[in-house]
Amino acid sequence: MSRKSRSTAHATRTASHETSPKILPFRPVLWLAVAGMVLTAYLAYVNLAGGNAALCTAGSGCDVVQQSRWSEFLGIPSALWGFGLYALIALVALSRSGKVKRWRRLFSLSVFGVAYSLFLTAVGVFDLSSFCFWCLASLALLVAIFVLVLMKRPPTALEEGWGRWALNHAIVLLPLIAVIGVVQAGVLARPVDPRLEALAAHLKQSGAKFYGANWCAHCRDQKDVFGHFAQDLP
């Protein structure tokens, strides 16, 4: 290639680079994600400190949810996992890797966040008969992020169509949430010492009484020690 040709090609690339649209951060999603990080950081701090969050008095519906087994996953507060999700969303919203790639990542993260939050909300209603104000606030943030992402979909983001896109996400997300739920429910907990069956029967025969509350974390831990033999406790 001659010097003139190389100069022309370089000038063409430079002009193309200068005229190409600049990819800016997705600021609305970024600010919502930052708000979610602040909220979940506060809840994680309260959980680790062993206190009660604001508006969560002892025995209230919020406290029932925060003290339940569903407030942790693999020994880590669920709020801390939520902080990680919001942090990922914020990082993707800041990225400039391409509008289509960024949109796809934000869609997947927000769909997972909304689906899992809805799952936990359903658990609170049907298993704990309680609502958590802070959990609903987080759900509202994730729904807002999801709606904003939908509204800003690039024209070429879904060449395979909505049906195929939704199916691919369902195949991945539904089993993932199911596995997380099974772990949180304690189904995969280690086997219980069979001698505890005899202890539970002895306590019942001796006239002892087990006093507790569904929102008491220590009561839950005590029953977890007995595993499925806890149903024999008086």
C-alpha atoms as a PDB file:
ATOM      1  CA  MET A   1       0.000   0.000   0.000  1.00  0.00           C
ATOM      2  CA  SER A   2       1.373   3.415  -0.942  1.00  0.00           C
ATOM      3  CA  ARG A   3       1.942   6.195   1.578  1.00  0.00           C
ATOM      4  CA  LYS A   4      -0.990   8.129   0.074  1.00  0.00           C
ATOM      5  CA  SER A   5      -3.317   5.137   0.424  1.00  0.00           C
ATOM      6  CA  ARG A   6      -2.276   4.565   4.055  1.00  0.00           C
ATOM      7  CA  SER A   7      -2.885   8.235   4.840  1.00  0.00           C
ATOM      8  CA  THR A   8      -6.334   8.075   3.245  1.00  0.00           C
ATOM      9  CA  ALA A   9      -7.281   4.920   5.194  1.00  0.00           C
ATOM     10  CA  HIS A  10      -6.077   6.462   8.466  1.00  0.00           C
ATOM     11  CA  ALA A  11      -8.060   9.621   7.802  1.00  0.00           C
ATOM     12  CA  THR A  12     -11.168   7.553   7.040  1.00  0.00           C
ATOM     13  CA  ARG A  13     -10.852   5.578  10.311  1.00  0.00           C
ATOM     14  CA  THR A  14     -10.295   8.776  12.279  1.00  0.00           C
ATOM     15  CA  ALA A  15     -13.330  10.469  10.760  1.00  0.00           C
ATOM     16  CA  SER A  16     -15.454   7.397  11.402  1.00  0.00           C
ATOM     17  CA  HIS A  17     -14.313   7.268  15.037  1.00  0.00           C
ATOM     18  CA  GLU A  18     -15.048  10.962  15.555  1.00  0.00           C
ATOM     19  CA  THR A  19     -18.552  10.727  14.044  1.00  0.00           C
ATOM     20  CA  SER A  20     -19.576   7.479  15.810  1.00  0.00           C
ATOM     21  CA  PRO A  21     -22.028   8.049  18.679  1.00  0.00           C
ATOM     22  CA  LYS A  22     -20.478   8.082  22.120  1.00  0.00           C
ATOM     23  CA  ILE A  23     -21.860   5.437  24.490  1.00  0.00           C
ATOM     24  CA  LEU A  24     -22.798   7.192  27.704  1.00  0.00           C
ATOM     25  CA  PRO A  25     -23.540   5.540  31.066  1.00  0.00           C
ATOM     26  CA  PHE A  26     -27.150   4.455  31.575  1.00  0.00           C
ATOM     27  CA  ARG A  27     -27.650   7.036  34.312  1.00  0.00           C
ATOM     28  CA  PRO A  28     -31.273   6.327  35.431  1.00  0.00           C
ATOM     29  CA  VAL A  29     -30.462   2.639  35.965  1.00  0.00           C
ATOM     30  CA  LEU A  30     -27.161   3.583  37.597  1.00  0.00           C
ATOM     31  CA  TRP A  31     -28.840   5.813  40.217  1.00  0.00           C
ATOM     32  CA  LEU A  32     -31.486   3.201  40.991  1.00  0.00           C
ATOM     33  CA  ALA A  33     -28.768   0.577  41.397  1.00  0.00           C
ATOM     34  CA  VAL A  34     -26.852   2.876  43.750  1.00  0.00           C
ATOM     35  CA  ALA A  35     -30.044   3.351  45.798  1.00  0.00           C
ATOM     36  CA  GLY A  36     -30.387  -0.439  45.946  1.00  0.00           C
ATOM     37  CA  MET A  37     -26.784  -0.760  47.107  1.00  0.00           C
ATOM     38  CA  VAL A  38     -27.417   1.708  49.942  1.00  0.00           C
ATOM     39  CA  LEU A  39     -30.596  -0.118  50.991  1.00  0.00           C
ATOM     40  CA  THR A  40     -29.075  -3.605  50.948  1.00  0.00           C
ATOM     41  CA  ALA A  41     -25.859  -2.430  52.624  1.00  0.00           C
ATOM     42  CA  TYR A  42     -27.969  -1.075  55.491  1.00  0.00           C
ATOM     43  CA  LEU A  43     -29.958  -4.318  55.803  1.00  0.00           C
ATOM     44  CA  ALA A  44     -26.793  -6.427  55.671  1.00  0.00           C
ATOM     45  CA  TYR A  45     -25.206  -4.297  58.407  1.00  0.00           C
ATOM     46  CA  VAL A  46     -28.278  -4.664  60.620  1.00  0.00           C
ATOM     47  CA  ASN A  47     -28.337  -8.425  60.029  1.00  0.00           C
ATOM     48  CA  LEU A  48     -24.665  -8.885  60.875  1.00  0.00           C
ATOM     49  CA  ALA A  49     -24.941  -6.589  63.914  1.00  0.00           C
ATOM     50  CA  GLY A  50     -27.897  -8.594  65.228  1.00  0.00           C
ATOM     51  CA  GLY A  51     -30.206  -5.587  65.508  1.00  0.00           C
ATOM     52  CA  ASN A  52     -33.555  -4.584  64.010  1.00  0.00           C
ATOM     53  CA  ALA A  53     -33.901  -2.414  60.935  1.00  0.00           C
ATOM     54  CA  ALA A  54     -35.906   0.795  61.163  1.00  0.00           C
ATOM     55  CA  LEU A  55     -39.668   0.169  61.046  1.00  0.00           C
ATOM     56  CA  CYS A  56     -39.024  -3.466  62.041  1.00  0.00           C
ATOM     57  CA  THR A  57     -40.094  -3.797  65.663  1.00  0.00           C
ATOM     58  CA  ALA A  58     -39.672  -7.161  67.390  1.00  0.00           C
ATOM     59  CA  GLY A  59     -42.388  -9.552  66.298  1.00  0.00           C
ATOM     60  CA  SER A  60     -43.557  -7.403  63.384  1.00  0.00           C
ATOM     61  CA  GLY A  61     -44.001  -8.854  59.914  1.00  0.00           C
ATOM     62  CA  CYS A  62     -40.778  -7.220  58.801  1.00  0.00           C
ATOM     63  CA  ASP A  63     -38.900  -8.750  61.738  1.00  0.00           C
ATOM     64  CA  VAL A  64     -40.400 -12.179  61.040  1.00  0.00           C
ATOM     65  CA  VAL A  65     -38.986 -12.101  57.509  1.00  0.00           C
ATOM     66  CA  GLN A  66     -35.611 -10.674  58.550  1.00  0.00           C
ATOM     67  CA  GLN A  67     -35.155 -13.338  61.256  1.00  0.00           C
ATOM     68  CA  SER A  68     -36.314 -16.278  59.129  1.00  0.00           C
ATOM     69  CA  ARG A  69     -34.120 -18.828  57.352  1.00  0.00           C
ATOM     70  CA  TRP A  70     -34.962 -17.017  54.106  1.00  0.00           C
ATOM     71  CA  SER A  71     -32.877 -14.029  55.169  1.00  0.00           C
ATOM     72  CA  GLU A  72     -29.648 -15.980  54.499  1.00  0.00           C
ATOM     73  CA  PHE A  73     -28.135 -18.060  51.717  1.00  0.00           C
ATOM     74  CA  LEU A  74     -25.051 -20.215  52.338  1.00  0.00           C
ATOM     75  CA  GLY A  75     -24.584 -18.465  55.675  1.00  0.00           C
ATOM     76  CA  ILE A  76     -24.430 -15.021  54.043  1.00  0.00           C
ATOM     77  CA  PRO A  77     -27.237 -12.473  54.542  1.00  0.00           C
ATOM     78  CA  SER A  78     -29.539 -12.287  51.528  1.00  0.00           C
ATOM     79  CA  ALA A  79     -29.139  -8.510  51.685  1.00  0.00           C
ATOM     80  CA  LEU A  80     -25.424  -8.921  51.003  1.00  0.00           C
ATOM     81  CA  TRP A  81     -26.190 -11.028  47.930  1.00  0.00           C
ATOM     82  CA  GLY A  82     -28.614  -8.291  46.892  1.00  0.00           C
ATOM     83  CA  PHE A  83     -25.852  -5.712  47.303  1.00  0.00           C
ATOM     84  CA  GLY A  84     -23.719  -7.745  44.903  1.00  0.00           C
ATOM     85  CA  LEU A  85     -26.547  -7.840  42.345  1.00  0.00           C
ATOM     86  CA  TYR A  86     -27.089  -4.080  42.523  1.00  0.00           C
ATOM     87  CA  ALA A  87     -23.322  -3.538  42.238  1.00  0.00           C
ATOM     88  CA  LEU A  88     -23.227  -5.659  39.072  1.00  0.00           C
ATOM     89  CA  ILE A  89     -26.124  -3.689  37.600  1.00  0.00           C
ATOM     90  CA  ALA A  90     -24.329  -0.429  38.406  1.00  0.00           C
ATOM     91  CA  LEU A  91     -21.102  -1.622  36.775  1.00  0.00           C
ATOM     92  CA  VAL A  92     -22.928  -2.716  33.623  1.00  0.00           C
ATOM     93  CA  ALA A  93     -24.833   0.588  33.486  1.00  0.00           C
ATOM     94  CA  LEU A  94     -21.441   2.353  33.571  1.00  0.00           C
ATOM     95  CA  SER A  95     -19.872   0.157  30.887  1.00  0.00           C
ATOM     96  CA  ARG A  96     -19.345   1.304  27.308  1.00  0.00           C
ATOM     97  CA  SER A  97     -18.959  -2.084  25.674  1.00  0.00           C
ATOM     98  CA  GLY A  98     -21.799  -1.482  23.209  1.00  0.00           C
ATOM     99  CA  LYS A  99     -25.470  -0.638  23.616  1.00  0.00           C
ATOM    100  CA  VAL A 100     -26.774  -4.059  22.565  1.00  0.00           C
ATOM    101  CA  LYS A 101     -24.386  -6.032  24.774  1.00  0.00           C
ATOM    102  CA  ARG A 102     -25.022  -3.707  27.723  1.00  0.00           C
ATOM    103  CA  TRP A 103     -28.794  -3.918  27.257  1.00  0.00           C
ATOM    104  CA  ARG A 104     -28.729  -7.726  27.169  1.00  0.00           C
ATOM    105  CA  ARG A 105     -26.708  -7.895  30.387  1.00  0.00           C
ATOM    106  CA  LEU A 106     -28.921  -5.375  32.173  1.00  0.00           C
ATOM    107  CA  PHE A 107     -32.032  -7.252  31.059  1.00  0.00           C
ATOM    108  CA  SER A 108     -30.728 -10.589  32.379  1.00  0.00           C
ATOM    109  CA  LEU A 109     -29.640  -9.119  35.730  1.00  0.00           C
ATOM    110  CA  SER A 110     -32.876  -7.187  36.268  1.00  0.00           C
ATOM    111  CA  VAL A 111     -35.055 -10.177  35.301  1.00  0.00           C
ATOM    112  CA  PHE A 112     -33.231 -12.369  37.806  1.00  0.00           C
ATOM    113  CA  GLY A 113     -33.554  -9.701  40.505  1.00  0.00           C
ATOM    114  CA  VAL A 114     -37.295  -9.244  39.937  1.00  0.00           C
ATOM    115  CA  ALA A 115     -37.965 -12.999  39.735  1.00  0.00           C
ATOM    116  CA  TYR A 116     -36.057 -13.804  42.925  1.00  0.00           C
ATOM    117  CA  SER A 117     -37.598 -10.878  44.807  1.00  0.00           C
ATOM    118  CA  LEU A 118     -41.066 -12.047  43.772  1.00  0.00           C
ATOM    119  CA  PHE A 119     -40.146 -15.540  44.976  1.00  0.00           C
ATOM    120  CA  LEU A 120     -39.090 -14.216  48.394  1.00  0.00           C
ATOM    121  CA  THR A 121     -42.236 -12.070  48.584  1.00  0.00           C
ATOM    122  CA  ALA A 122     -44.363 -15.156  47.899  1.00  0.00           C
ATOM    123  CA  VAL A 123     -42.461 -17.085  50.587  1.00  0.00           C
ATOM    124  CA  GLY A 124     -43.158 -14.279  53.046  1.00  0.00           C
ATOM    125  CA  VAL A 125     -46.878 -14.339  52.258  1.00  0.00           C
ATOM    126  CA  PHE A 126     -47.511 -18.092  52.110  1.00  0.00           C
ATOM    127  CA  ASP A 127     -44.862 -19.515  54.449  1.00  0.00           C
ATOM    128  CA  LEU A 128     -44.365 -16.743  57.005  1.00  0.00           C
ATOM    129  CA  SER A 129     -47.679 -14.870  56.620  1.00  0.00           C
ATOM    130  CA  SER A 130     -45.668 -11.649  56.739  1.00  0.00           C
ATOM    131  CA  PHE A 131     -44.549  -8.721  54.633  1.00  0.00           C
ATOM    132  CA  CYS A 132     -41.202  -6.944  54.784  1.00  0.00           C
ATOM    133  CA  PHE A 133     -41.288  -3.219  53.986  1.00  0.00           C
ATOM    134  CA  TRP A 134     -37.596  -3.159  53.056  1.00  0.00           C
ATOM    135  CA  CYS A 135     -37.947  -6.203  50.805  1.00  0.00           C
ATOM    136  CA  LEU A 136     -40.868  -4.579  48.985  1.00  0.00           C
ATOM    137  CA  ALA A 137     -38.781  -1.406  48.564  1.00  0.00           C
ATOM    138  CA  SER A 138     -36.000  -3.460  46.970  1.00  0.00           C
ATOM    139  CA  LEU A 139     -38.535  -5.184  44.716  1.00  0.00           C
ATOM    140  CA  ALA A 140     -39.851  -1.774  43.623  1.00  0.00           C
ATOM    141  CA  LEU A 141     -36.309  -0.654  42.719  1.00  0.00           C
ATOM    142  CA  LEU A 142     -35.692  -3.790  40.673  1.00  0.00           C
ATOM    143  CA  VAL A 143     -39.025  -3.459  38.854  1.00  0.00           C
ATOM    144  CA  ALA A 144     -38.186   0.176  38.060  1.00  0.00           C
ATOM    145  CA  ILE A 145     -34.789  -0.894  36.683  1.00  0.00           C
ATOM    146  CA  PHE A 146     -36.438  -3.623  34.605  1.00  0.00           C
ATOM    147  CA  VAL A 147     -39.000  -1.197  33.141  1.00  0.00           C
ATOM    148  CA  LEU A 148     -36.313   1.355  32.268  1.00  0.00           C
ATOM    149  CA  VAL A 149     -34.245  -1.330  30.566  1.00  0.00           C
ATOM    150  CA  LEU A 150     -37.271  -2.449  28.516  1.00  0.00           C
ATOM    151  CA  MET A 151     -37.987   1.122  27.447  1.00  0.00           C
ATOM    152  CA  LYS A 152     -34.407   1.621  26.207  1.00  0.00           C
ATOM    153  CA  ARG A 153     -34.131  -1.549  24.118  1.00  0.00           C
ATOM    154  CA  PRO A 154     -31.928  -1.030  21.039  1.00  0.00           C
ATOM    155  CA  PRO A 155     -33.678  -1.962  17.759  1.00  0.00           C
ATOM    156  CA  THR A 156     -31.224  -4.806  17.051  1.00  0.00           C
ATOM    157  CA  ALA A 157     -31.130  -6.239  20.584  1.00  0.00           C
ATOM    158  CA  LEU A 158     -33.618  -9.079  19.983  1.00  0.00           C
ATOM    159  CA  GLU A 159     -33.033 -10.414  16.507  1.00  0.00           C
ATOM    160  CA  GLU A 160     -34.126 -13.894  17.644  1.00  0.00           C
ATOM    161  CA  GLY A 161     -37.487 -12.597  18.870  1.00  0.00           C
ATOM    162  CA  TRP A 162     -39.075 -12.199  22.310  1.00  0.00           C
ATOM    163  CA  GLY A 163     -40.281 -15.797  22.495  1.00  0.00           C
ATOM    164  CA  ARG A 164     -36.851 -17.365  22.108  1.00  0.00           C
ATOM    165  CA  TRP A 165     -35.284 -14.735  24.389  1.00  0.00           C
ATOM    166  CA  ALA A 166     -37.830 -15.354  27.163  1.00  0.00           C
ATOM    167  CA  LEU A 167     -37.502 -19.137  26.838  1.00  0.00           C
ATOM    168  CA  ASN A 168     -33.714 -19.003  27.174  1.00  0.00           C
ATOM    169  CA  HIS A 169     -34.011 -16.956  30.364  1.00  0.00           C
ATOM    170  CA  ALA A 170     -36.702 -19.227  31.815  1.00  0.00           C
ATOM    171  CA  ILE A 171     -34.567 -22.323  31.211  1.00  0.00           C
ATOM    172  CA  VAL A 172     -31.696 -20.768  33.196  1.00  0.00           C
ATOM    173  CA  LEU A 173     -33.398 -18.641  35.850  1.00  0.00           C
ATOM    174  CA  LEU A 174     -36.220 -20.926  37.033  1.00  0.00           C
ATOM    175  CA  PRO A 175     -33.945 -23.875  37.952  1.00  0.00           C
ATOM    176  CA  LEU A 176     -31.449 -21.450  39.519  1.00  0.00           C
ATOM    177  CA  ILE A 177     -34.087 -19.872  41.765  1.00  0.00           C
ATOM    178  CA  ALA A 178     -35.464 -23.327  42.589  1.00  0.00           C
ATOM    179  CA  VAL A 179     -32.024 -24.533  43.736  1.00  0.00           C
ATOM    180  CA  ILE A 180     -31.502 -21.406  45.854  1.00  0.00           C
ATOM    181  CA  GLY A 181     -34.934 -21.910  47.416  1.00  0.00           C
ATOM    182  CA  VAL A 182     -34.216 -25.558  48.233  1.00  0.00           C
ATOM    183  CA  VAL A 183     -30.961 -24.603  49.947  1.00  0.00           C
ATOM    184  CA  GLN A 184     -32.586 -21.793  51.931  1.00  0.00           C
ATOM    185  CA  ALA A 185     -35.446 -24.067  52.993  1.00  0.00           C
ATOM    186  CA  GLY A 186     -32.910 -26.413  54.592  1.00  0.00           C
ATOM    187  CA  VAL A 187     -33.867 -29.416  52.467  1.00  0.00           C
ATOM    188  CA  LEU A 188     -30.200 -30.195  51.821  1.00  0.00           C
ATOM    189  CA  ALA A 189     -29.181 -29.857  55.478  1.00  0.00           C
ATOM    190  CA  ARG A 190     -26.934 -32.538  56.932  1.00  0.00           C
ATOM    191  CA  PRO A 191     -28.645 -35.671  58.369  1.00  0.00           C
ATOM    192  CA  VAL A 192     -29.945 -35.415  61.921  1.00  0.00           C
ATOM    193  CA  ASP A 193     -28.555 -37.612  64.702  1.00  0.00           C
ATOM    194  CA  PRO A 194     -31.202 -40.376  65.152  1.00  0.00           C
ATOM    195  CA  ARG A 195     -30.702 -40.210  68.921  1.00  0.00           C
ATOM    196  CA  LEU A 196     -32.559 -36.889  68.850  1.00  0.00           C
ATOM    197  CA  GLU A 197     -35.772 -38.784  68.077  1.00  0.00           C
ATOM    198  CA  ALA A 198     -35.512 -40.500  71.456  1.00  0.00           C
ATOM    199  CA  LEU A 199     -34.697 -37.165  73.120  1.00  0.00           C
ATOM    200  CA  ALA A 200     -37.752 -35.505  71.577  1.00  0.00           C
ATOM    201  CA  ALA A 201     -39.935 -38.406  72.743  1.00  0.00           C
ATOM    202  CA  HIS A 202     -38.440 -38.195  76.244  1.00  0.00           C
ATOM    203  CA  LEU A 203     -39.114 -34.461  76.456  1.00  0.00           C
ATOM    204  CA  LYS A 204     -42.711 -35.055  75.431  1.00  0.00           C
ATOM    205  CA  GLN A 205     -43.236 -37.839  77.966  1.00  0.00           C
ATOM    206  CA  SER A 206     -41.625 -35.858  80.792  1.00  0.00           C
ATOM    207  CA  GLY A 207     -44.124 -33.037  80.384  1.00  0.00           C
ATOM    208  CA  ALA A 208     -41.603 -30.464  79.176  1.00  0.00           C
ATOM    209  CA  LYS A 209     -42.868 -27.626  76.995  1.00  0.00           C
ATOM    210  CA  PHE A 210     -41.160 -25.855  74.099  1.00  0.00           C
ATOM    211  CA  TYR A 211     -41.909 -22.129  74.070  1.00  0.00           C
ATOM    212  CA  GLY A 212     -41.063 -20.090  71.008  1.00  0.00           C
ATOM    213  CA  ALA A 213     -42.245 -17.759  68.269  1.00  0.00           C
ATOM    214  CA  ASN A 214     -42.138 -18.000  64.504  1.00  0.00           C
ATOM    215  CA  TRP A 215     -40.067 -14.799  64.357  1.00  0.00           C
ATOM    216  CA  CYS A 216     -37.466 -15.983  66.892  1.00  0.00           C
ATOM    217  CA  ALA A 217     -34.177 -16.913  65.200  1.00  0.00           C
ATOM    218  CA  HIS A 218     -32.933 -18.812  68.281  1.00  0.00           C
ATOM    219  CA  CYS A 219     -36.126 -20.887  68.380  1.00  0.00           C
ATOM    220  CA  ARG A 220     -35.644 -21.722  64.708  1.00  0.00           C
ATOM    221  CA  ASP A 221     -32.033 -22.737  65.328  1.00  0.00           C
ATOM    222  CA  GLN A 222     -33.111 -24.983  68.207  1.00  0.00           C
ATOM    223  CA  LYS A 223     -35.694 -26.733  66.050  1.00  0.00           C
ATOM    224  CA  ASP A 224     -33.198 -27.063  63.223  1.00  0.00           C
ATOM    225  CA  VAL A 225     -30.984 -29.106  65.562  1.00  0.00           C
ATOM    226  CA  PHE A 226     -33.792 -31.659  65.837  1.00  0.00           C
ATOM    227  CA  GLY A 227     -34.453 -31.629  62.064  1.00  0.00           C
ATOM    228  CA  HIS A 228     -37.660 -33.455  61.147  1.00  0.00           C
ATOM    229  CA  PHE A 229     -37.876 -34.748  64.745  1.00  0.00           C
ATOM    230  CA  ALA A 230     -38.823 -31.197  65.782  1.00  0.00           C
ATOM    231  CA  GLN A 231     -42.456 -32.070  65.041  1.00  0.00           C
ATOM    232  CA  ASP A 232     -42.296 -34.447  68.062  1.00  0.00           C
ATOM    233  CA  LEU A 233     -41.285 -31.666  70.451  1.00  0.00           C
ATOM    234  CA  PRO A 234     -44.049 -30.833  72.941  1.00  0.00           C
END
